[in-house]
Amino acid sequence: MNLNLSILLIILGGAIVTFIPRVIPFIVIRNIGLPKIVVKWLSYIPICIFAALIVDSFIIQDHSLLSIDWRVLTAIVPTLIIALWTKSLSVTVIVGIVSMATVRFLF
């Protein structure tokens, strides 16, 4: 398989453009003191995102019936354990991505 230089630059450019808006807010917020009400509100965001991702991925509709995608369940379990253990959004996201990539590679 040949990899053209322009394709490689497009992939790297896409990675940078995607990476910057996802990392810069973490860096900026870490150094700024936010009001307590904002911090309390933001503390619920990871839980909401995690729940929305689980419901969207875990429960699938198959011919007007709801069923469970067992491949996704095998990725959710270690991600949930790490989320409860570390309480770190970054670590949880990394473990979730690695878990899902492993599941897709193996199954």
PDB file of N, CA and C in Angstrom:
ATOM      1  N   MET A   1       0.839  -1.172   0.000  1.00  0.00           N
ATOM      2  CA  MET A   1       0.000   0.000   0.000  1.00  0.00           C
ATOM      3  C   MET A   1       0.889   1.240   0.000  1.00  0.00           C
ATOM      4  N   ASN A   2       0.679   2.107  -0.954  1.00  0.00           N
ATOM      5  CA  ASN A   2       1.444   3.346  -1.039  1.00  0.00           C
ATOM      6  C   ASN A   2       0.770   4.441  -0.248  1.00  0.00           C
ATOM      7  N   LEU A   3       1.591   5.245   0.393  1.00  0.00           N
ATOM      8  CA  LEU A   3       1.072   6.377   1.163  1.00  0.00           C
ATOM      9  C   LEU A   3       1.606   7.650   0.531  1.00  0.00           C
ATOM     10  N   ASN A   4       0.733   8.370  -0.112  1.00  0.00           N
ATOM     11  CA  ASN A   4       1.094   9.611  -0.759  1.00  0.00           C
ATOM     12  C   ASN A   4       1.389  10.669   0.311  1.00  0.00           C
ATOM     13  N   LEU A   5       2.346  11.546   0.045  1.00  0.00           N
ATOM     14  CA  LEU A   5       2.712  12.591   1.010  1.00  0.00           C
ATOM     15  C   LEU A   5       1.537  13.520   1.300  1.00  0.00           C
ATOM     16  N   SER A   6       0.762  13.861   0.285  1.00  0.00           N
ATOM     17  CA  SER A   6      -0.370  14.754   0.525  1.00  0.00           C
ATOM     18  C   SER A   6      -1.423  14.095   1.410  1.00  0.00           C
ATOM     19  N   ILE A   7      -1.622  12.794   1.247  1.00  0.00           N
ATOM     20  CA  ILE A   7      -2.571  12.077   2.111  1.00  0.00           C
ATOM     21  C   ILE A   7      -2.057  12.050   3.543  1.00  0.00           C
ATOM     22  N   LEU A   8      -0.773  11.815   3.721  1.00  0.00           N
ATOM     23  CA  LEU A   8      -0.187  11.818   5.061  1.00  0.00           C
ATOM     24  C   LEU A   8      -0.331  13.189   5.715  1.00  0.00           C
ATOM     25  N   LEU A   9      -0.099  14.265   4.956  1.00  0.00           N
ATOM     26  CA  LEU A   9      -0.250  15.620   5.497  1.00  0.00           C
ATOM     27  C   LEU A   9      -1.705  15.918   5.840  1.00  0.00           C
ATOM     28  N   ILE A  10      -2.643  15.424   5.049  1.00  0.00           N
ATOM     29  CA  ILE A  10      -4.066  15.617   5.356  1.00  0.00           C
ATOM     30  C   ILE A  10      -4.432  14.893   6.643  1.00  0.00           C
ATOM     31  N   ILE A  11      -3.933  13.683   6.817  1.00  0.00           N
ATOM     32  CA  ILE A  11      -4.205  12.922   8.044  1.00  0.00           C
ATOM     33  C   ILE A  11      -3.601  13.625   9.251  1.00  0.00           C
ATOM     34  N   LEU A  12      -2.361  14.061   9.142  1.00  0.00           N
ATOM     35  CA  LEU A  12      -1.721  14.773  10.253  1.00  0.00           C
ATOM     36  C   LEU A  12      -2.418  16.096  10.548  1.00  0.00           C
ATOM     37  N   GLY A  13      -2.817  16.823   9.504  1.00  0.00           N
ATOM     38  CA  GLY A  13      -3.551  18.069   9.700  1.00  0.00           C
ATOM     39  C   GLY A  13      -4.884  17.836  10.388  1.00  0.00           C
ATOM     40  N   GLY A  14      -5.590  16.782   9.974  1.00  0.00           N
ATOM     41  CA  GLY A  14      -6.857  16.439  10.625  1.00  0.00           C
ATOM     42  C   GLY A  14      -6.666  16.068  12.083  1.00  0.00           C
ATOM     43  N   ALA A  15      -5.581  15.346  12.370  1.00  0.00           N
ATOM     44  CA  ALA A  15      -5.294  14.974  13.759  1.00  0.00           C
ATOM     45  C   ALA A  15      -5.003  16.207  14.610  1.00  0.00           C
ATOM     46  N   ILE A  16      -4.242  17.128  14.065  1.00  0.00           N
ATOM     47  CA  ILE A  16      -3.909  18.354  14.817  1.00  0.00           C
ATOM     48  C   ILE A  16      -5.153  19.197  15.043  1.00  0.00           C
ATOM     49  N   VAL A  17      -5.958  19.366  13.994  1.00  0.00           N
ATOM     50  CA  VAL A  17      -7.169  20.173  14.111  1.00  0.00           C
ATOM     51  C   VAL A  17      -8.151  19.548  15.095  1.00  0.00           C
ATOM     52  N   THR A  18      -8.183  18.247  15.182  1.00  0.00           N
ATOM     53  CA  THR A  18      -9.056  17.568  16.132  1.00  0.00           C
ATOM     54  C   THR A  18      -8.481  17.626  17.546  1.00  0.00           C
ATOM     55  N   PHE A  19      -7.168  17.496  17.662  1.00  0.00           N
ATOM     56  CA  PHE A  19      -6.505  17.447  18.963  1.00  0.00           C
ATOM     57  C   PHE A  19      -6.556  18.789  19.685  1.00  0.00           C
ATOM     58  N   ILE A  20      -6.321  19.874  18.965  1.00  0.00           N
ATOM     59  CA  ILE A  20      -6.215  21.201  19.589  1.00  0.00           C
ATOM     60  C   ILE A  20      -7.482  21.596  20.347  1.00  0.00           C
ATOM     61  N   PRO A  21      -8.676  21.560  19.743  1.00  0.00           N
ATOM     62  CA  PRO A  21      -9.845  22.001  20.525  1.00  0.00           C
ATOM     63  C   PRO A  21     -10.237  21.056  21.644  1.00  0.00           C
ATOM     64  N   ARG A  22      -9.698  19.867  21.649  1.00  0.00           N
ATOM     65  CA  ARG A  22     -10.023  18.938  22.732  1.00  0.00           C
ATOM     66  C   ARG A  22      -9.056  19.046  23.897  1.00  0.00           C
ATOM     67  N   VAL A  23      -7.842  19.502  23.655  1.00  0.00           N
ATOM     68  CA  VAL A  23      -6.834  19.570  24.712  1.00  0.00           C
ATOM     69  C   VAL A  23      -6.718  20.971  25.304  1.00  0.00           C
ATOM     70  N   ILE A  24      -6.802  22.001  24.473  1.00  0.00           N
ATOM     71  CA  ILE A  24      -6.645  23.380  24.946  1.00  0.00           C
ATOM     72  C   ILE A  24      -7.619  23.715  26.077  1.00  0.00           C
ATOM     73  N   PRO A  25      -8.912  23.359  25.999  1.00  0.00           N
ATOM     74  CA  PRO A  25      -9.794  23.684  27.129  1.00  0.00           C
ATOM     75  C   PRO A  25      -9.333  23.073  28.455  1.00  0.00           C
ATOM     76  N   PHE A  26      -8.812  21.839  28.428  1.00  0.00           N
ATOM     77  CA  PHE A  26      -8.311  21.233  29.665  1.00  0.00           C
ATOM     78  C   PHE A  26      -7.142  22.032  30.226  1.00  0.00           C
ATOM     79  N   ILE A  27      -6.255  22.476  29.366  1.00  0.00           N
ATOM     80  CA  ILE A  27      -5.087  23.231  29.808  1.00  0.00           C
ATOM     81  C   ILE A  27      -5.501  24.602  30.363  1.00  0.00           C
ATOM     82  N   VAL A  28      -6.413  25.278  29.670  1.00  0.00           N
ATOM     83  CA  VAL A  28      -6.849  26.609  30.098  1.00  0.00           C
ATOM     84  C   VAL A  28      -7.631  26.538  31.398  1.00  0.00           C
ATOM     85  N   ILE A  29      -8.570  25.623  31.503  1.00  0.00           N
ATOM     86  CA  ILE A  29      -9.421  25.514  32.696  1.00  0.00           C
ATOM     87  C   ILE A  29      -8.606  25.128  33.929  1.00  0.00           C
ATOM     88  N   ARG A  30      -7.568  24.343  33.732  1.00  0.00           N
ATOM     89  CA  ARG A  30      -6.760  23.906  34.870  1.00  0.00           C
ATOM     90  C   ARG A  30      -6.095  25.082  35.577  1.00  0.00           C
ATOM     91  N   ASN A  31      -5.769  26.129  34.836  1.00  0.00           N
ATOM     92  CA  ASN A  31      -5.054  27.277  35.403  1.00  0.00           C
ATOM     93  C   ASN A  31      -5.958  28.436  35.794  1.00  0.00           C
ATOM     94  N   ILE A  32      -7.257  28.321  35.556  1.00  0.00           N
ATOM     95  CA  ILE A  32      -8.199  29.395  35.875  1.00  0.00           C
ATOM     96  C   ILE A  32      -9.096  28.952  37.025  1.00  0.00           C
ATOM     97  N   GLY A  33      -9.284  29.831  37.979  1.00  0.00           N
ATOM     98  CA  GLY A  33     -10.201  29.550  39.078  1.00  0.00           C
ATOM     99  C   GLY A  33     -11.639  29.836  38.650  1.00  0.00           C
ATOM    100  N   LEU A  34     -12.463  28.835  38.627  1.00  0.00           N
ATOM    101  CA  LEU A  34     -13.862  28.987  38.236  1.00  0.00           C
ATOM    102  C   LEU A  34     -14.741  29.139  39.472  1.00  0.00           C
ATOM    103  N   PRO A  35     -15.884  29.804  39.336  1.00  0.00           N
ATOM    104  CA  PRO A  35     -16.822  29.891  40.462  1.00  0.00           C
ATOM    105  C   PRO A  35     -17.303  28.493  40.885  1.00  0.00           C
ATOM    106  N   LYS A  36     -17.655  28.367  42.157  1.00  0.00           N
ATOM    107  CA  LYS A  36     -18.053  27.062  42.694  1.00  0.00           C
ATOM    108  C   LYS A  36     -19.256  26.480  41.969  1.00  0.00           C
ATOM    109  N   ILE A  37     -20.201  27.310  41.573  1.00  0.00           N
ATOM    110  CA  ILE A  37     -21.393  26.810  40.889  1.00  0.00           C
ATOM    111  C   ILE A  37     -21.025  26.205  39.533  1.00  0.00           C
ATOM    112  N   VAL A  38     -20.058  26.812  38.841  1.00  0.00           N
ATOM    113  CA  VAL A  38     -19.616  26.286  37.549  1.00  0.00           C
ATOM    114  C   VAL A  38     -18.882  24.969  37.743  1.00  0.00           C
ATOM    115  N   VAL A  39     -18.036  24.895  38.757  1.00  0.00           N
ATOM    116  CA  VAL A  39     -17.306  23.654  39.039  1.00  0.00           C
ATOM    117  C   VAL A  39     -18.283  22.534  39.384  1.00  0.00           C
ATOM    118  N   LYS A  40     -19.295  22.837  40.166  1.00  0.00           N
ATOM    119  CA  LYS A  40     -20.297  21.825  40.520  1.00  0.00           C
ATOM    120  C   LYS A  40     -21.040  21.355  39.276  1.00  0.00           C
ATOM    121  N   TRP A  41     -21.439  22.285  38.410  1.00  0.00           N
ATOM    122  CA  TRP A  41     -22.141  21.933  37.186  1.00  0.00           C
ATOM    123  C   TRP A  41     -21.248  21.092  36.277  1.00  0.00           C
ATOM    124  N   LEU A  42     -19.982  21.484  36.153  1.00  0.00           N
ATOM    125  CA  LEU A  42     -19.054  20.737  35.296  1.00  0.00           C
ATOM    126  C   LEU A  42     -18.756  19.341  35.842  1.00  0.00           C
ATOM    127  N   SER A  43     -18.908  19.140  37.142  1.00  0.00           N
ATOM    128  CA  SER A  43     -18.635  17.821  37.709  1.00  0.00           C
ATOM    129  C   SER A  43     -19.619  16.764  37.218  1.00  0.00           C
ATOM    130  N   TYR A  44     -20.788  17.178  36.743  1.00  0.00           N
ATOM    131  CA  TYR A  44     -21.780  16.225  36.238  1.00  0.00           C
ATOM    132  C   TYR A  44     -21.595  15.916  34.756  1.00  0.00           C
ATOM    133  N   ILE A  45     -20.823  16.700  34.048  1.00  0.00           N
ATOM    134  CA  ILE A  45     -20.678  16.528  32.605  1.00  0.00           C
ATOM    135  C   ILE A  45     -20.087  15.167  32.237  1.00  0.00           C
ATOM    136  N   PRO A  46     -18.976  14.710  32.849  1.00  0.00           N
ATOM    137  CA  PRO A  46     -18.453  13.394  32.459  1.00  0.00           C
ATOM    138  C   PRO A  46     -19.464  12.266  32.679  1.00  0.00           C
ATOM    139  N   ILE A  47     -20.242  12.342  33.732  1.00  0.00           N
ATOM    140  CA  ILE A  47     -21.235  11.310  33.993  1.00  0.00           C
ATOM    141  C   ILE A  47     -22.286  11.310  32.892  1.00  0.00           C
ATOM    142  N   CYS A  48     -22.733  12.496  32.498  1.00  0.00           N
ATOM    143  CA  CYS A  48     -23.746  12.599  31.446  1.00  0.00           C
ATOM    144  C   CYS A  48     -23.217  12.100  30.113  1.00  0.00           C
ATOM    145  N   ILE A  49     -21.998  12.476  29.783  1.00  0.00           N
ATOM    146  CA  ILE A  49     -21.409  12.038  28.514  1.00  0.00           C
ATOM    147  C   ILE A  49     -21.239  10.534  28.511  1.00  0.00           C
ATOM    148  N   PHE A  50     -20.727   9.990  29.596  1.00  0.00           N
ATOM    149  CA  PHE A  50     -20.510   8.548  29.689  1.00  0.00           C
ATOM    150  C   PHE A  50     -21.839   7.796  29.565  1.00  0.00           C
ATOM    151  N   ALA A  51     -22.871   8.276  30.255  1.00  0.00           N
ATOM    152  CA  ALA A  51     -24.179   7.619  30.182  1.00  0.00           C
ATOM    153  C   ALA A  51     -24.755   7.700  28.772  1.00  0.00           C
ATOM    154  N   ALA A  52     -24.635   8.847  28.117  1.00  0.00           N
ATOM    155  CA  ALA A  52     -25.153   8.995  26.758  1.00  0.00           C
ATOM    156  C   ALA A  52     -24.422   8.083  25.782  1.00  0.00           C
ATOM    157  N   LEU A  53     -23.123   7.973  25.929  1.00  0.00           N
ATOM    158  CA  LEU A  53     -22.356   7.083  25.045  1.00  0.00           C
ATOM    159  C   LEU A  53     -22.712   5.620  25.268  1.00  0.00           C
ATOM    160  N   ILE A  54     -22.923   5.258  26.512  1.00  0.00           N
ATOM    161  CA  ILE A  54     -23.293   3.874  26.816  1.00  0.00           C
ATOM    162  C   ILE A  54     -24.647   3.530  26.213  1.00  0.00           C
ATOM    163  N   VAL A  55     -25.624   4.375  26.446  1.00  0.00           N
ATOM    164  CA  VAL A  55     -26.971   4.092  25.954  1.00  0.00           C
ATOM    165  C   VAL A  55     -26.971   4.042  24.430  1.00  0.00           C
ATOM    166  N   ASP A  56     -26.254   4.952  23.803  1.00  0.00           N
ATOM    167  CA  ASP A  56     -26.216   4.989  22.349  1.00  0.00           C
ATOM    168  C   ASP A  56     -25.512   3.771  21.760  1.00  0.00           C
ATOM    169  N   SER A  57     -24.482   3.282  22.409  1.00  0.00           N
ATOM    170  CA  SER A  57     -23.698   2.169  21.872  1.00  0.00           C
ATOM    171  C   SER A  57     -24.145   0.809  22.381  1.00  0.00           C
ATOM    172  N   PHE A  58     -24.582   0.747  23.589  1.00  0.00           N
ATOM    173  CA  PHE A  58     -24.839  -0.514  24.269  1.00  0.00           C
ATOM    174  C   PHE A  58     -26.181  -1.131  23.885  1.00  0.00           C
ATOM    175  N   ILE A  59     -27.201  -0.303  23.769  1.00  0.00           N
ATOM    176  CA  ILE A  59     -28.536  -0.796  23.457  1.00  0.00           C
ATOM    177  C   ILE A  59     -28.787  -0.560  21.968  1.00  0.00           C
ATOM    178  N   ILE A  60     -29.065  -1.636  21.253  1.00  0.00           N
ATOM    179  CA  ILE A  60     -29.308  -1.537  19.816  1.00  0.00           C
ATOM    180  C   ILE A  60     -30.711  -2.019  19.503  1.00  0.00           C
ATOM    181  N   GLN A  61     -31.268  -1.470  18.440  1.00  0.00           N
ATOM    182  CA  GLN A  61     -32.611  -1.876  18.030  1.00  0.00           C
ATOM    183  C   GLN A  61     -32.479  -2.852  16.871  1.00  0.00           C
ATOM    184  N   ASP A  62     -33.098  -4.011  17.040  1.00  0.00           N
ATOM    185  CA  ASP A  62     -33.034  -5.056  16.034  1.00  0.00           C
ATOM    186  C   ASP A  62     -34.454  -5.509  15.717  1.00  0.00           C
ATOM    187  N   HIS A  63     -34.983  -5.076  14.587  1.00  0.00           N
ATOM    188  CA  HIS A  63     -36.340  -5.439  14.164  1.00  0.00           C
ATOM    189  C   HIS A  63     -37.366  -5.123  15.249  1.00  0.00           C
ATOM    190  N   SER A  64     -37.426  -3.890  15.653  1.00  0.00           N
ATOM    191  CA  SER A  64     -38.352  -3.354  16.662  1.00  0.00           C
ATOM    192  C   SER A  64     -38.168  -3.980  18.044  1.00  0.00           C
ATOM    193  N   LEU A  65     -37.086  -4.657  18.263  1.00  0.00           N
ATOM    194  CA  LEU A  65     -36.747  -5.186  19.591  1.00  0.00           C
ATOM    195  C   LEU A  65     -35.455  -4.531  20.052  1.00  0.00           C
ATOM    196  N   LEU A  66     -35.345  -4.339  21.345  1.00  0.00           N
ATOM    197  CA  LEU A  66     -34.102  -3.813  21.896  1.00  0.00           C
ATOM    198  C   LEU A  66     -33.228  -4.966  22.333  1.00  0.00           C
ATOM    199  N   SER A  67     -31.956  -4.882  22.015  1.00  0.00           N
ATOM    200  CA  SER A  67     -31.032  -5.923  22.433  1.00  0.00           C
ATOM    201  C   SER A  67     -29.716  -5.284  22.868  1.00  0.00           C
ATOM    202  N   ILE A  68     -28.848  -6.096  23.407  1.00  0.00           N
ATOM    203  CA  ILE A  68     -27.570  -5.634  23.954  1.00  0.00           C
ATOM    204  C   ILE A  68     -26.454  -6.028  23.000  1.00  0.00           C
ATOM    205  N   ASP A  69     -25.570  -5.093  22.730  1.00  0.00           N
ATOM    206  CA  ASP A  69     -24.386  -5.388  21.928  1.00  0.00           C
ATOM    207  C   ASP A  69     -23.289  -5.853  22.889  1.00  0.00           C
ATOM    208  N   TRP A  70     -23.036  -7.146  22.901  1.00  0.00           N
ATOM    209  CA  TRP A  70     -22.117  -7.735  23.873  1.00  0.00           C
ATOM    210  C   TRP A  70     -20.672  -7.320  23.634  1.00  0.00           C
ATOM    211  N   ARG A  71     -20.334  -6.979  22.400  1.00  0.00           N
ATOM    212  CA  ARG A  71     -18.971  -6.493  22.140  1.00  0.00           C
ATOM    213  C   ARG A  71     -18.741  -5.165  22.859  1.00  0.00           C
ATOM    214  N   VAL A  72     -19.740  -4.305  22.812  1.00  0.00           N
ATOM    215  CA  VAL A  72     -19.616  -3.009  23.494  1.00  0.00           C
ATOM    216  C   VAL A  72     -19.568  -3.216  25.009  1.00  0.00           C
ATOM    217  N   LEU A  73     -20.313  -4.180  25.506  1.00  0.00           N
ATOM    218  CA  LEU A  73     -20.297  -4.461  26.945  1.00  0.00           C
ATOM    219  C   LEU A  73     -18.897  -4.844  27.415  1.00  0.00           C
ATOM    220  N   THR A  74     -18.173  -5.614  26.604  1.00  0.00           N
ATOM    221  CA  THR A  74     -16.814  -6.004  27.000  1.00  0.00           C
ATOM    222  C   THR A  74     -15.860  -4.813  27.034  1.00  0.00           C
ATOM    223  N   ALA A  75     -16.170  -3.747  26.307  1.00  0.00           N
ATOM    224  CA  ALA A  75     -15.349  -2.529  26.382  1.00  0.00           C
ATOM    225  C   ALA A  75     -15.825  -1.613  27.498  1.00  0.00           C
ATOM    226  N   ILE A  76     -17.111  -1.651  27.809  1.00  0.00           N
ATOM    227  CA  ILE A  76     -17.668  -0.779  28.845  1.00  0.00           C
ATOM    228  C   ILE A  76     -17.185  -1.189  30.234  1.00  0.00           C
ATOM    229  N   VAL A  77     -17.093  -2.470  30.488  1.00  0.00           N
ATOM    230  CA  VAL A  77     -16.748  -2.946  31.836  1.00  0.00           C
ATOM    231  C   VAL A  77     -15.390  -2.411  32.303  1.00  0.00           C
ATOM    232  N   PRO A  78     -14.292  -2.606  31.552  1.00  0.00           N
ATOM    233  CA  PRO A  78     -13.020  -2.045  32.054  1.00  0.00           C
ATOM    234  C   PRO A  78     -13.016  -0.519  32.101  1.00  0.00           C
ATOM    235  N   THR A  79     -13.726   0.110  31.176  1.00  0.00           N
ATOM    236  CA  THR A  79     -13.795   1.576  31.177  1.00  0.00           C
ATOM    237  C   THR A  79     -14.518   2.081  32.419  1.00  0.00           C
ATOM    238  N   LEU A  80     -15.609   1.437  32.778  1.00  0.00           N
ATOM    239  CA  LEU A  80     -16.355   1.830  33.970  1.00  0.00           C
ATOM    240  C   LEU A  80     -15.534   1.612  35.236  1.00  0.00           C
ATOM    241  N   ILE A  81     -14.819   0.506  35.298  1.00  0.00           N
ATOM    242  CA  ILE A  81     -13.973   0.221  36.464  1.00  0.00           C
ATOM    243  C   ILE A  81     -12.892   1.298  36.610  1.00  0.00           C
ATOM    244  N   ILE A  82     -12.241   1.640  35.505  1.00  0.00           N
ATOM    245  CA  ILE A  82     -11.199   2.671  35.540  1.00  0.00           C
ATOM    246  C   ILE A  82     -11.796   4.035  35.891  1.00  0.00           C
ATOM    247  N   ALA A  83     -12.985   4.335  35.366  1.00  0.00           N
ATOM    248  CA  ALA A  83     -13.637   5.618  35.673  1.00  0.00           C
ATOM    249  C   ALA A  83     -13.935   5.731  37.157  1.00  0.00           C
ATOM    250  N   LEU A  84     -14.437   4.672  37.756  1.00  0.00           N
ATOM    251  CA  LEU A  84     -14.741   4.707  39.189  1.00  0.00           C
ATOM    252  C   LEU A  84     -13.478   4.727  40.041  1.00  0.00           C
ATOM    253  N   TRP A  85     -12.442   4.057  39.568  1.00  0.00           N
ATOM    254  CA  TRP A  85     -11.202   3.956  40.335  1.00  0.00           C
ATOM    255  C   TRP A  85     -10.382   5.245  40.267  1.00  0.00           C
ATOM    256  N   THR A  86     -10.202   5.798  39.057  1.00  0.00           N
ATOM    257  CA  THR A  86      -9.332   6.972  38.910  1.00  0.00           C
ATOM    258  C   THR A  86     -10.073   8.290  39.005  1.00  0.00           C
ATOM    259  N   LYS A  87     -11.349   8.304  38.636  1.00  0.00           N
ATOM    260  CA  LYS A  87     -12.147   9.534  38.580  1.00  0.00           C
ATOM    261  C   LYS A  87     -11.483  10.580  37.691  1.00  0.00           C
ATOM    262  N   SER A  88     -10.807  10.115  36.658  1.00  0.00           N
ATOM    263  CA  SER A  88     -10.120  10.985  35.709  1.00  0.00           C
ATOM    264  C   SER A  88     -10.758  10.827  34.334  1.00  0.00           C
ATOM    265  N   LEU A  89     -11.231  11.927  33.779  1.00  0.00           N
ATOM    266  CA  LEU A  89     -11.868  11.872  32.472  1.00  0.00           C
ATOM    267  C   LEU A  89     -10.880  11.457  31.392  1.00  0.00           C
ATOM    268  N   SER A  90      -9.682  11.984  31.431  1.00  0.00           N
ATOM    269  CA  SER A  90      -8.682  11.668  30.415  1.00  0.00           C
ATOM    270  C   SER A  90      -8.319  10.189  30.423  1.00  0.00           C
ATOM    271  N   VAL A  91      -8.046   9.659  31.605  1.00  0.00           N
ATOM    272  CA  VAL A  91      -7.687   8.238  31.709  1.00  0.00           C
ATOM    273  C   VAL A  91      -8.857   7.363  31.283  1.00  0.00           C
ATOM    274  N   THR A  92     -10.070   7.743  31.664  1.00  0.00           N
ATOM    275  CA  THR A  92     -11.260   6.979  31.302  1.00  0.00           C
ATOM    276  C   THR A  92     -11.446   6.948  29.788  1.00  0.00           C
ATOM    277  N   VAL A  93     -11.270   8.083  29.144  1.00  0.00           N
ATOM    278  CA  VAL A  93     -11.427   8.145  27.690  1.00  0.00           C
ATOM    279  C   VAL A  93     -10.363   7.294  27.004  1.00  0.00           C
ATOM    280  N   ILE A  94      -9.134   7.377  27.475  1.00  0.00           N
ATOM    281  CA  ILE A  94      -8.058   6.587  26.869  1.00  0.00           C
ATOM    282  C   ILE A  94      -8.329   5.098  27.037  1.00  0.00           C
ATOM    283  N   VAL A  95      -8.723   4.674  28.223  1.00  0.00           N
ATOM    284  CA  VAL A  95      -9.023   3.260  28.458  1.00  0.00           C
ATOM    285  C   VAL A  95     -10.214   2.818  27.607  1.00  0.00           C
ATOM    286  N   GLY A  96     -11.216   3.672  27.480  1.00  0.00           N
ATOM    287  CA  GLY A  96     -12.373   3.336  26.654  1.00  0.00           C
ATOM    288  C   GLY A  96     -12.006   3.153  25.196  1.00  0.00           C
ATOM    289  N   ILE A  97     -11.180   4.052  24.677  1.00  0.00           N
ATOM    290  CA  ILE A  97     -10.754   3.951  23.283  1.00  0.00           C
ATOM    291  C   ILE A  97      -9.923   2.698  23.058  1.00  0.00           C
ATOM    292  N   VAL A  98      -8.982   2.434  23.958  1.00  0.00           N
ATOM    293  CA  VAL A  98      -8.141   1.238  23.825  1.00  0.00           C
ATOM    294  C   VAL A  98      -8.976  -0.026  23.966  1.00  0.00           C
ATOM    295  N   SER A  99      -9.928  -0.038  24.899  1.00  0.00           N
ATOM    296  CA  SER A  99     -10.794  -1.210  25.082  1.00  0.00           C
ATOM    297  C   SER A  99     -11.631  -1.479  23.843  1.00  0.00           C
ATOM    298  N   MET A 100     -12.231  -0.429  23.294  1.00  0.00           N
ATOM    299  CA  MET A 100     -13.077  -0.621  22.101  1.00  0.00           C
ATOM    300  C   MET A 100     -12.244  -1.018  20.899  1.00  0.00           C
ATOM    301  N   ALA A 101     -11.057  -0.449  20.760  1.00  0.00           N
ATOM    302  CA  ALA A 101     -10.168  -0.829  19.654  1.00  0.00           C
ATOM    303  C   ALA A 101      -9.762  -2.294  19.780  1.00  0.00           C
ATOM    304  N   THR A 102      -9.477  -2.726  20.994  1.00  0.00           N
ATOM    305  CA  THR A 102      -9.111  -4.129  21.219  1.00  0.00           C
ATOM    306  C   THR A 102     -10.276  -5.058  20.901  1.00  0.00           C
ATOM    307  N   VAL A 103     -11.470  -4.699  21.331  1.00  0.00           N
ATOM    308  CA  VAL A 103     -12.645  -5.512  21.053  1.00  0.00           C
ATOM    309  C   VAL A 103     -12.892  -5.619  19.563  1.00  0.00           C
ATOM    310  N   ARG A 104     -12.794  -4.500  18.856  1.00  0.00           N
ATOM    311  CA  ARG A 104     -13.009  -4.512  17.407  1.00  0.00           C
ATOM    312  C   ARG A 104     -11.927  -5.285  16.695  1.00  0.00           C
ATOM    313  N   PHE A 105     -10.718  -5.253  17.215  1.00  0.00           N
ATOM    314  CA  PHE A 105      -9.608  -6.009  16.600  1.00  0.00           C
ATOM    315  C   PHE A 105      -9.817  -7.519  16.805  1.00  0.00           C
ATOM    316  N   LEU A 106     -10.243  -7.903  18.001  1.00  0.00           N
ATOM    317  CA  LEU A 106     -10.389  -9.319  18.312  1.00  0.00           C
ATOM    318  C   LEU A 106     -11.678  -9.938  17.783  1.00  0.00           C
ATOM    319  N   PHE A 107     -12.760  -9.166  17.761  1.00  0.00           N
ATOM    320  CA  PHE A 107     -14.042  -9.717  17.334  1.00  0.00           C
ATOM    321  C   PHE A 107     -14.441  -9.092  16.025  1.00  0.00           C
TER     322      PHE A 107
END
